[in-house]
Amino acid sequence: MPNRWDETWHRLREWTNGQGPAERLSAQVLYAEGFTDVDPSHPLGGPDGAKDALALKSGQRWIMASYFPRGQKPFQEIEAKFLSDHRGIAANGASGMAFVTNQELSLAERRNLADVIGGPVEIFHLERVTSILDQPKMHSVRSQFLRIDPPTAPPVVGLRSTREILDAAPHPPGAPDHRMLYDGLLLLRIVALPVPAIARYPAARDPRAGLEAASERARRAGDGWPELVSLLVRRLGAGWDSGKAHEWGAGRTTGDPEALVRRSTAAAAFTTRECAVCVDRTWATSIPDDNGAFAFYAAREPEVAAELVVALALIGALFATVPETESVDVAMLLTAAPSDQLVSSERAVSGGRFGEPEGYLTDPMTDVPTYHLDSGRFPLADAEAGYPAAEELLGPWLIRFRSDDLFSRLRG
């Protein structure tokens, strides 16, 4: 049966433990209130020299008187005991008295007791003793003398290691069985040029219509994906702007590492003079530690692949409008960037790299390359489809593809 919220008060008020335990409990109360060198007389019985204990307060000698009858007594009886105990001050050459009792005393009754002697006195009445014993630091004393068990403390759980925090991070949208966590910022950069090269994009003055059509094709590449998988799609959907002649852009990015680690970015740039497309995507996904504070930035392998597919669809659709273009040169850089500033380590976690079968890797914690550069020449149809070119560009980084691979999950 659980204790009452005021169990301490009830057990003190109806004290049944006798004088010895009362004197020893009173000594602990004095220690808790700053008295020192408490020296009990005879708690188990014997001549006590007109005091239950001696103690020091601010370097001066005091006596202790302990009065714990069973039940509550009339004030006249309490006063008579108080005055009787007070005579021990002179008998022991003391400066004051600490009167510890289990009796209820009103404010007026406390003043009357203090005024009747007109000297230094500390009255530890029922409510005051209760508040002292209910302090967490006094729970062991309360348990010893009142048999009230301390509150059950929650089990102490050690802080998780870096690996445990990373392993427990939420799965990314799209492919929950594939998780690559990067402790740091991850940059994906794709640059593409049409083949054969042309001097200038046909609609150099205002390519907005072609850019918007290509953006729509990129959006359709992500149809059926979970919401918010592609930040690049959202940036393209906001439209293209021209900062200066021959340069168009969608989204925003920066070279400032401090800004990059605070938020993820996605941006596409197109120059009509060289007819070149450049896409940048950075990740700054926050993983909190056990205290809820920021711990790591992370990018995950499904998100990298998804953005590559979207970028390739954009590139293929844009160059499909250029007469006589047969294919497109694409270079892809995947790096923990900027180097020497943001990354301490990258490791595959949770079942090996990219969900390989058990035993495929001898060490599932094998370091994953921090830098991957690949390029290729692709027919426009393969680029616009996204997946064929992405598999070739990411293949060495993603190890291999199977029927249940990442791209199948993204498609479905």
Protein backbone atom coordinates (compact mmCIF):
# COMPACT_ATOMS: atom_id res chain seq x y z
CA MET A 1 0.00 0.00 0.00
CA PRO A 2 1.57 3.36 -0.95
CA ASN A 3 2.36 5.88 1.76
CA ARG A 4 0.28 9.00 2.25
CA TRP A 5 1.83 12.18 0.87
CA ASP A 6 2.17 13.41 4.50
CA GLU A 7 3.32 10.10 5.96
CA THR A 8 6.26 11.73 7.78
CA TRP A 9 3.91 14.07 9.65
CA HIS A 10 1.61 11.26 10.73
CA ARG A 11 4.39 8.99 11.99
CA LEU A 12 6.03 11.76 13.98
CA ARG A 13 2.73 12.92 15.45
CA GLU A 14 1.81 9.42 16.64
CA TRP A 15 5.29 8.53 17.87
CA THR A 16 5.49 5.02 19.37
CA ASN A 17 9.22 4.32 19.28
CA GLY A 18 10.13 5.54 22.74
CA GLN A 19 12.69 7.97 24.10
CA GLY A 20 15.94 6.42 22.84
CA PRO A 21 15.14 6.61 19.11
CA ALA A 22 13.58 10.05 19.68
CA GLU A 23 16.86 11.41 21.07
CA ARG A 24 18.90 9.90 18.26
CA LEU A 25 16.50 11.26 15.63
CA SER A 26 16.67 14.69 17.30
CA ALA A 27 20.48 14.60 17.05
CA GLN A 28 20.20 14.03 13.28
CA VAL A 29 17.79 16.97 13.00
CA LEU A 30 20.36 19.22 14.68
CA TYR A 31 23.11 18.08 12.34
CA ALA A 32 20.85 18.82 9.37
CA GLU A 33 20.29 22.37 10.69
CA GLY A 34 23.95 23.29 11.10
CA PHE A 35 24.71 22.21 14.65
CA THR A 36 28.02 20.42 15.14
CA ASP A 37 29.68 18.12 17.66
CA VAL A 38 26.38 16.73 18.87
CA ASP A 39 27.20 14.67 21.98
CA PRO A 40 24.25 12.57 23.25
CA SER A 41 23.94 11.85 26.98
CA HIS A 42 22.20 8.47 27.56
CA PRO A 43 19.57 7.78 24.86
CA LEU A 44 19.08 4.26 26.25
CA GLY A 45 18.57 5.48 29.83
CA GLY A 46 20.71 6.79 32.66
CA PRO A 47 21.52 10.12 34.37
CA ASP A 48 21.76 12.77 31.65
CA GLY A 49 22.84 15.85 33.59
CA ALA A 50 19.75 17.89 32.68
CA LYS A 51 20.18 17.55 28.94
CA ASP A 52 19.64 14.94 26.24
CA ALA A 53 22.74 16.06 24.36
CA LEU A 54 25.31 18.81 24.07
CA ALA A 55 26.01 20.50 20.73
CA LEU A 56 27.80 23.49 19.27
CA LYS A 57 26.08 26.29 17.36
CA SER A 58 28.34 28.95 15.87
CA GLY A 59 31.05 27.75 18.25
CA GLN A 60 28.89 28.12 21.39
CA ARG A 61 27.64 25.33 23.61
CA TRP A 62 23.94 24.48 23.49
CA ILE A 63 21.88 21.77 25.08
CA MET A 64 19.36 19.58 23.27
CA ALA A 65 16.03 18.55 24.77
CA SER A 66 13.95 15.90 23.00
CA TYR A 67 10.20 15.57 23.74
CA PHE A 68 8.36 12.90 21.74
CA PRO A 69 5.27 11.71 23.63
CA ARG A 70 2.66 9.56 21.91
CA GLY A 71 -0.10 11.70 20.50
CA GLN A 72 -0.65 15.42 21.01
CA LYS A 73 -0.55 16.99 24.46
CA PRO A 74 -2.18 20.16 25.83
CA PHE A 75 -0.04 23.27 25.54
CA GLN A 76 0.30 23.49 29.35
CA GLU A 77 2.06 20.10 29.43
CA ILE A 78 4.35 21.09 26.55
CA GLU A 79 5.21 24.38 28.28
CA ALA A 80 5.96 22.65 31.59
CA LYS A 81 8.34 20.22 29.85
CA PHE A 82 9.97 23.08 27.94
CA LEU A 83 10.62 25.09 31.12
CA SER A 84 11.91 22.02 32.92
CA ASP A 85 14.36 21.26 30.13
CA HIS A 86 15.46 24.89 29.95
CA ARG A 87 16.97 24.67 33.44
CA GLY A 88 19.65 22.47 31.88
CA ILE A 89 21.22 25.54 30.23
CA ALA A 90 22.56 26.86 33.52
CA ALA A 91 23.43 23.39 34.76
CA ASN A 92 25.66 22.81 31.73
CA GLY A 93 27.08 26.31 31.22
CA ALA A 94 25.35 26.53 27.85
CA SER A 95 24.25 29.55 25.81
CA GLY A 96 20.93 28.22 24.44
CA MET A 97 18.62 25.27 24.01
CA ALA A 98 17.38 23.31 21.01
CA PHE A 99 13.96 21.88 21.82
CA VAL A 100 13.00 19.07 19.42
CA THR A 101 9.45 17.79 19.66
CA ASN A 102 6.75 15.96 17.73
CA GLN A 103 4.09 18.33 19.05
CA GLU A 104 2.05 20.74 16.95
CA LEU A 105 2.71 24.33 18.02
CA SER A 106 0.95 27.36 16.60
CA LEU A 107 2.83 30.57 15.87
CA ALA A 108 1.48 32.14 19.06
CA GLU A 109 2.50 29.11 21.14
CA ARG A 110 6.01 29.21 19.73
CA ARG A 111 6.28 32.91 20.63
CA ASN A 112 5.01 32.23 24.13
CA LEU A 113 7.65 29.57 24.72
CA ALA A 114 10.43 31.80 23.43
CA ASP A 115 9.23 34.83 25.42
CA VAL A 116 8.85 32.98 28.71
CA ILE A 117 12.59 32.31 28.93
CA GLY A 118 13.89 35.39 27.10
CA GLY A 119 17.08 33.69 25.89
CA PRO A 120 18.52 31.88 22.83
CA VAL A 121 16.30 28.97 21.86
CA GLU A 122 15.53 26.93 18.72
CA ILE A 123 12.14 25.21 18.68
CA PHE A 124 11.92 22.26 16.31
CA HIS A 125 8.17 21.60 16.34
CA LEU A 126 6.22 18.98 14.37
CA GLU A 127 5.92 20.89 11.09
CA ARG A 128 9.56 21.98 11.16
CA VAL A 129 10.86 18.49 11.89
CA THR A 130 8.62 17.11 9.10
CA SER A 131 10.02 19.54 6.54
CA ILE A 132 13.58 18.69 7.56
CA LEU A 133 13.06 14.93 7.27
CA ASP A 134 11.27 15.23 3.93
CA GLN A 135 14.39 16.69 2.32
CA PRO A 136 15.99 14.21 -0.12
CA LYS A 137 19.25 14.35 1.83
CA MET A 138 17.37 13.14 4.94
CA HIS A 139 15.57 10.21 3.32
CA SER A 140 17.98 7.68 4.83
CA VAL A 141 17.39 9.13 8.32
CA ARG A 142 13.63 9.08 7.77
CA SER A 143 13.86 5.47 6.63
CA GLN A 144 15.87 4.47 9.71
CA PHE A 145 13.63 6.09 12.33
CA LEU A 146 10.21 6.23 10.66
CA ARG A 147 10.44 3.18 8.35
CA ILE A 148 9.47 5.24 5.30
CA ASP A 149 11.22 3.93 2.22
CA PRO A 150 12.96 6.50 0.00
CA PRO A 151 11.21 7.21 -3.32
CA THR A 152 12.16 4.75 -6.02
CA ALA A 153 14.71 6.42 -8.26
CA PRO A 154 14.55 5.78 -12.00
CA PRO A 155 17.28 3.45 -13.20
CA VAL A 156 20.50 5.19 -14.05
CA VAL A 157 21.04 4.98 -17.78
CA GLY A 158 24.46 5.79 -19.11
CA LEU A 159 24.82 8.21 -21.97
CA ARG A 160 24.93 6.55 -25.36
CA SER A 161 28.08 6.37 -27.38
CA THR A 162 28.48 8.16 -30.68
CA ARG A 163 27.86 4.89 -32.50
CA GLU A 164 24.66 4.22 -30.53
CA ILE A 165 23.34 7.70 -31.27
CA LEU A 166 24.01 7.28 -34.97
CA ASP A 167 22.51 3.79 -35.05
CA ALA A 168 19.33 5.02 -33.39
CA ALA A 169 18.85 8.02 -35.69
CA PRO A 170 15.50 8.12 -37.51
CA HIS A 171 15.40 6.33 -40.84
CA PRO A 172 15.27 8.64 -43.84
CA PRO A 173 12.16 8.77 -46.00
CA GLY A 174 12.12 6.39 -48.93
CA ALA A 175 14.37 3.46 -48.12
CA PRO A 176 14.36 2.53 -44.43
CA ASP A 177 16.56 -0.55 -44.90
CA HIS A 178 19.40 1.50 -46.38
CA ARG A 179 21.11 3.88 -44.01
CA MET A 180 24.39 5.65 -44.50
CA LEU A 181 25.16 8.22 -41.84
CA TYR A 182 27.81 10.86 -42.30
CA ASP A 183 29.21 12.65 -39.30
CA GLY A 184 29.62 15.95 -41.11
CA LEU A 185 28.40 17.74 -44.20
CA LEU A 186 27.91 15.86 -47.44
CA LEU A 187 28.08 17.57 -50.84
CA LEU A 188 26.71 16.23 -54.11
CA ARG A 189 27.73 18.17 -57.23
CA ILE A 190 26.67 17.31 -60.78
CA VAL A 191 27.98 19.14 -63.85
CA ALA A 192 26.67 18.39 -67.36
CA LEU A 193 27.41 19.54 -70.91
CA PRO A 194 25.65 18.56 -74.18
CA VAL A 195 27.42 16.48 -76.84
CA PRO A 196 28.35 17.73 -79.33
CA ALA A 197 29.18 21.06 -77.76
CA ILE A 198 27.16 24.07 -78.87
CA ALA A 199 28.04 27.73 -78.76
CA ARG A 200 24.91 28.89 -77.00
CA TYR A 201 21.55 27.64 -75.77
CA PRO A 202 18.96 28.31 -78.52
CA ALA A 203 16.68 30.42 -76.30
CA ALA A 204 19.55 32.34 -74.76
CA ARG A 205 17.56 35.54 -74.24
CA ASP A 206 14.87 33.90 -72.12
CA PRO A 207 15.14 30.13 -71.57
CA ARG A 208 12.50 30.25 -68.83
CA ALA A 209 10.02 28.04 -70.69
CA GLY A 210 12.61 25.33 -71.30
CA LEU A 211 13.82 25.51 -67.69
CA GLU A 212 10.32 25.23 -66.29
CA ALA A 213 9.53 22.27 -68.55
CA ALA A 214 12.74 20.54 -67.45
CA SER A 215 11.87 21.26 -63.82
CA GLU A 216 8.48 19.63 -64.29
CA ARG A 217 10.19 16.55 -65.74
CA ALA A 218 12.48 16.45 -62.70
CA ARG A 219 9.47 16.66 -60.42
CA ARG A 220 7.84 13.71 -62.16
CA ALA A 221 11.00 11.68 -61.55
CA GLY A 222 10.05 11.73 -57.89
CA ASP A 223 6.40 10.78 -58.34
CA GLY A 224 5.46 8.12 -55.83
CA TRP A 225 8.34 8.91 -53.48
CA PRO A 226 7.58 9.74 -49.85
CA GLU A 227 7.01 13.42 -49.20
CA LEU A 228 10.09 15.64 -48.73
CA VAL A 229 12.60 13.11 -50.08
CA SER A 230 13.89 15.65 -52.60
CA LEU A 231 14.84 19.15 -51.51
CA LEU A 232 15.96 19.82 -55.10
CA VAL A 233 12.41 19.28 -56.40
CA ARG A 234 11.11 21.87 -53.97
CA ARG A 235 13.75 24.40 -55.00
CA LEU A 236 13.05 23.87 -58.70
CA GLY A 237 9.33 24.27 -58.04
CA ALA A 238 9.97 27.79 -56.73
CA GLY A 239 11.08 28.85 -60.21
CA TRP A 240 14.20 30.14 -61.98
CA ASP A 241 15.67 33.63 -61.76
CA SER A 242 18.37 35.37 -63.78
CA GLY A 243 21.05 37.04 -61.72
CA LYS A 244 22.96 38.39 -64.69
CA ALA A 245 23.27 37.86 -68.43
CA HIS A 246 23.37 34.23 -69.52
CA GLU A 247 23.07 32.92 -65.94
CA TRP A 248 19.94 31.38 -64.45
CA GLY A 249 19.46 29.77 -61.08
CA ALA A 250 16.94 27.97 -58.90
CA GLY A 251 17.41 27.58 -55.17
CA ARG A 252 20.31 28.92 -53.14
CA THR A 253 23.60 27.57 -51.86
CA THR A 254 26.76 29.03 -50.37
CA GLY A 255 30.42 28.27 -49.90
CA ASP A 256 30.35 29.37 -46.27
CA PRO A 257 30.91 26.28 -44.08
CA GLU A 258 29.25 27.91 -41.06
CA ALA A 259 26.07 28.50 -43.06
CA LEU A 260 26.16 25.06 -44.68
CA VAL A 261 26.25 23.17 -41.42
CA ARG A 262 23.20 25.02 -40.12
CA ARG A 263 20.87 24.10 -42.97
CA SER A 264 20.64 21.85 -46.00
CA THR A 265 20.78 23.51 -49.41
CA ALA A 266 19.84 22.63 -52.99
CA ALA A 267 20.50 24.76 -56.06
CA ALA A 268 20.70 24.44 -59.83
CA ALA A 269 22.56 26.83 -62.13
CA PHE A 270 22.36 27.07 -65.93
CA THR A 271 24.52 29.18 -68.24
CA THR A 272 23.15 29.80 -71.72
CA ARG A 273 26.56 30.82 -73.07
CA GLU A 274 28.36 27.51 -72.36
CA CYS A 275 25.09 25.56 -72.12
CA ALA A 276 26.26 24.03 -68.85
CA VAL A 277 24.20 22.79 -65.92
CA CYS A 278 25.52 22.57 -62.37
CA VAL A 279 23.54 21.14 -59.44
CA ASP A 280 24.70 21.38 -55.81
CA ARG A 281 23.06 19.61 -52.89
CA THR A 282 24.26 19.65 -49.29
CA TRP A 283 22.87 17.90 -46.22
CA ALA A 284 22.89 19.14 -42.67
CA THR A 285 20.47 16.76 -40.98
CA SER A 286 20.57 17.15 -37.21
CA ILE A 287 20.81 14.12 -34.92
CA PRO A 288 20.35 15.04 -31.23
CA ASP A 289 22.27 13.53 -28.35
CA ASP A 290 20.74 12.09 -25.15
CA ASN A 291 20.15 15.56 -23.75
CA GLY A 292 18.28 16.72 -26.82
CA ALA A 293 21.11 18.99 -27.92
CA PHE A 294 22.64 19.01 -31.38
CA ALA A 295 25.17 16.23 -31.87
CA PHE A 296 25.80 15.41 -35.53
CA TYR A 297 25.02 16.45 -39.03
CA ALA A 298 24.22 13.57 -41.33
CA ALA A 299 23.30 12.71 -44.90
CA ARG A 300 21.91 9.33 -45.84
CA GLU A 301 22.55 7.24 -48.90
CA PRO A 302 18.91 7.12 -50.14
CA GLU A 303 18.73 10.91 -50.12
CA VAL A 304 21.93 11.16 -52.16
CA ALA A 305 20.63 8.77 -54.79
CA ALA A 306 17.23 10.48 -54.93
CA GLU A 307 18.76 13.88 -55.62
CA LEU A 308 21.02 12.43 -58.30
CA VAL A 309 18.01 10.94 -60.09
CA VAL A 310 16.20 14.30 -59.96
CA ALA A 311 19.25 16.19 -61.25
CA LEU A 312 19.73 13.78 -64.14
CA ALA A 313 16.07 14.08 -65.14
CA LEU A 314 16.46 17.87 -65.15
CA ILE A 315 19.62 17.70 -67.28
CA GLY A 316 18.23 15.22 -69.80
CA ALA A 317 14.99 17.16 -70.28
CA LEU A 318 16.78 20.48 -70.67
CA PHE A 319 19.26 19.27 -73.30
CA ALA A 320 16.57 17.36 -75.15
CA THR A 321 15.41 20.77 -76.43
CA VAL A 322 18.84 21.51 -77.98
CA PRO A 323 18.87 20.58 -81.70
CA GLU A 324 21.23 17.78 -82.79
CA THR A 325 22.24 16.89 -79.23
CA GLU A 326 22.95 13.17 -79.06
CA SER A 327 24.18 12.66 -75.53
CA VAL A 328 25.33 14.47 -72.43
CA ASP A 329 28.59 14.44 -70.46
CA VAL A 330 27.94 14.22 -66.75
CA ALA A 331 30.48 14.48 -63.95
CA MET A 332 29.43 13.69 -60.39
CA LEU A 333 31.35 14.51 -57.22
CA LEU A 334 30.27 13.12 -53.88
CA THR A 335 32.39 14.34 -51.03
CA ALA A 336 32.43 15.07 -47.35
CA ALA A 337 33.02 18.75 -47.87
CA PRO A 338 34.55 21.19 -47.26
CA SER A 339 37.58 19.04 -46.60
CA ASP A 340 39.36 19.30 -43.22
CA GLN A 341 36.53 21.36 -41.69
CA LEU A 342 33.33 19.44 -41.16
CA VAL A 343 33.89 15.71 -41.19
CA SER A 344 35.54 13.50 -38.61
CA SER A 345 34.48 10.09 -39.90
CA GLU A 346 32.03 8.24 -42.10
CA ARG A 347 30.93 4.71 -41.46
CA ALA A 348 28.24 2.38 -42.68
CA VAL A 349 25.96 1.32 -39.86
CA SER A 350 23.02 -0.95 -39.11
CA GLY A 351 23.57 -4.18 -40.95
CA GLY A 352 26.54 -3.37 -43.13
CA ARG A 353 26.86 -1.14 -46.12
CA PHE A 354 23.53 -0.51 -47.83
CA GLY A 355 21.85 -3.64 -46.48
CA GLU A 356 24.13 -6.32 -47.92
CA PRO A 357 23.34 -9.90 -46.85
CA GLU A 358 24.92 -11.10 -43.65
CA GLY A 359 28.47 -12.22 -44.25
CA TYR A 360 28.89 -10.20 -47.44
CA LEU A 361 31.14 -7.79 -45.56
CA THR A 362 33.60 -9.16 -43.05
CA ASP A 363 33.54 -5.90 -41.11
CA PRO A 364 30.16 -4.10 -41.16
CA MET A 365 31.83 -1.02 -39.69
CA THR A 366 34.19 -0.64 -42.64
CA ASP A 367 35.03 2.95 -43.48
CA VAL A 368 33.06 4.32 -46.38
CA PRO A 369 34.96 6.50 -48.86
CA THR A 370 34.70 10.19 -48.11
CA TYR A 371 35.28 11.09 -51.74
CA HIS A 372 33.75 9.67 -54.90
CA LEU A 373 34.22 11.15 -58.37
CA ASP A 374 32.73 9.56 -61.46
CA SER A 375 31.70 10.67 -64.92
CA GLY A 376 30.21 9.30 -68.08
CA ARG A 377 28.63 10.03 -71.43
CA PHE A 378 24.96 9.08 -71.55
CA PRO A 379 22.26 9.11 -74.22
CA LEU A 380 19.73 11.81 -73.49
CA ALA A 381 17.05 9.19 -72.84
CA ASP A 382 19.16 7.49 -70.16
CA ALA A 383 19.91 10.81 -68.50
CA GLU A 384 16.28 11.91 -68.54
CA ALA A 385 15.15 8.52 -67.18
CA GLY A 386 17.53 9.13 -64.28
CA TYR A 387 18.00 5.61 -63.01
CA PRO A 388 20.27 4.12 -65.74
CA ALA A 389 22.82 6.93 -65.47
CA ALA A 390 22.53 7.11 -61.68
CA GLU A 391 23.28 3.42 -61.30
CA GLU A 392 26.44 3.77 -63.35
CA LEU A 393 27.62 6.93 -61.59
CA LEU A 394 26.83 5.70 -58.07
CA GLY A 395 27.67 2.05 -58.63
CA PRO A 396 31.20 2.11 -57.19
CA TRP A 397 29.94 4.08 -54.20
CA LEU A 398 26.81 2.04 -53.57
CA ILE A 399 28.69 -1.26 -54.09
CA ARG A 400 25.99 -3.04 -56.11
CA PHE A 401 22.26 -3.22 -56.89
CA ARG A 402 19.83 -6.08 -56.47
CA SER A 403 16.13 -6.64 -57.03
CA ASP A 404 15.45 -5.07 -53.61
CA ASP A 405 17.96 -2.28 -54.04
CA LEU A 406 17.60 1.41 -53.30
CA PHE A 407 16.33 2.39 -56.73
CA SER A 408 13.62 -0.22 -56.64
CA ARG A 409 12.49 1.24 -53.36
CA LEU A 410 12.53 4.76 -54.73
CA ARG A 411 10.51 3.69 -57.77
CA GLY A 412 7.96 1.91 -55.60
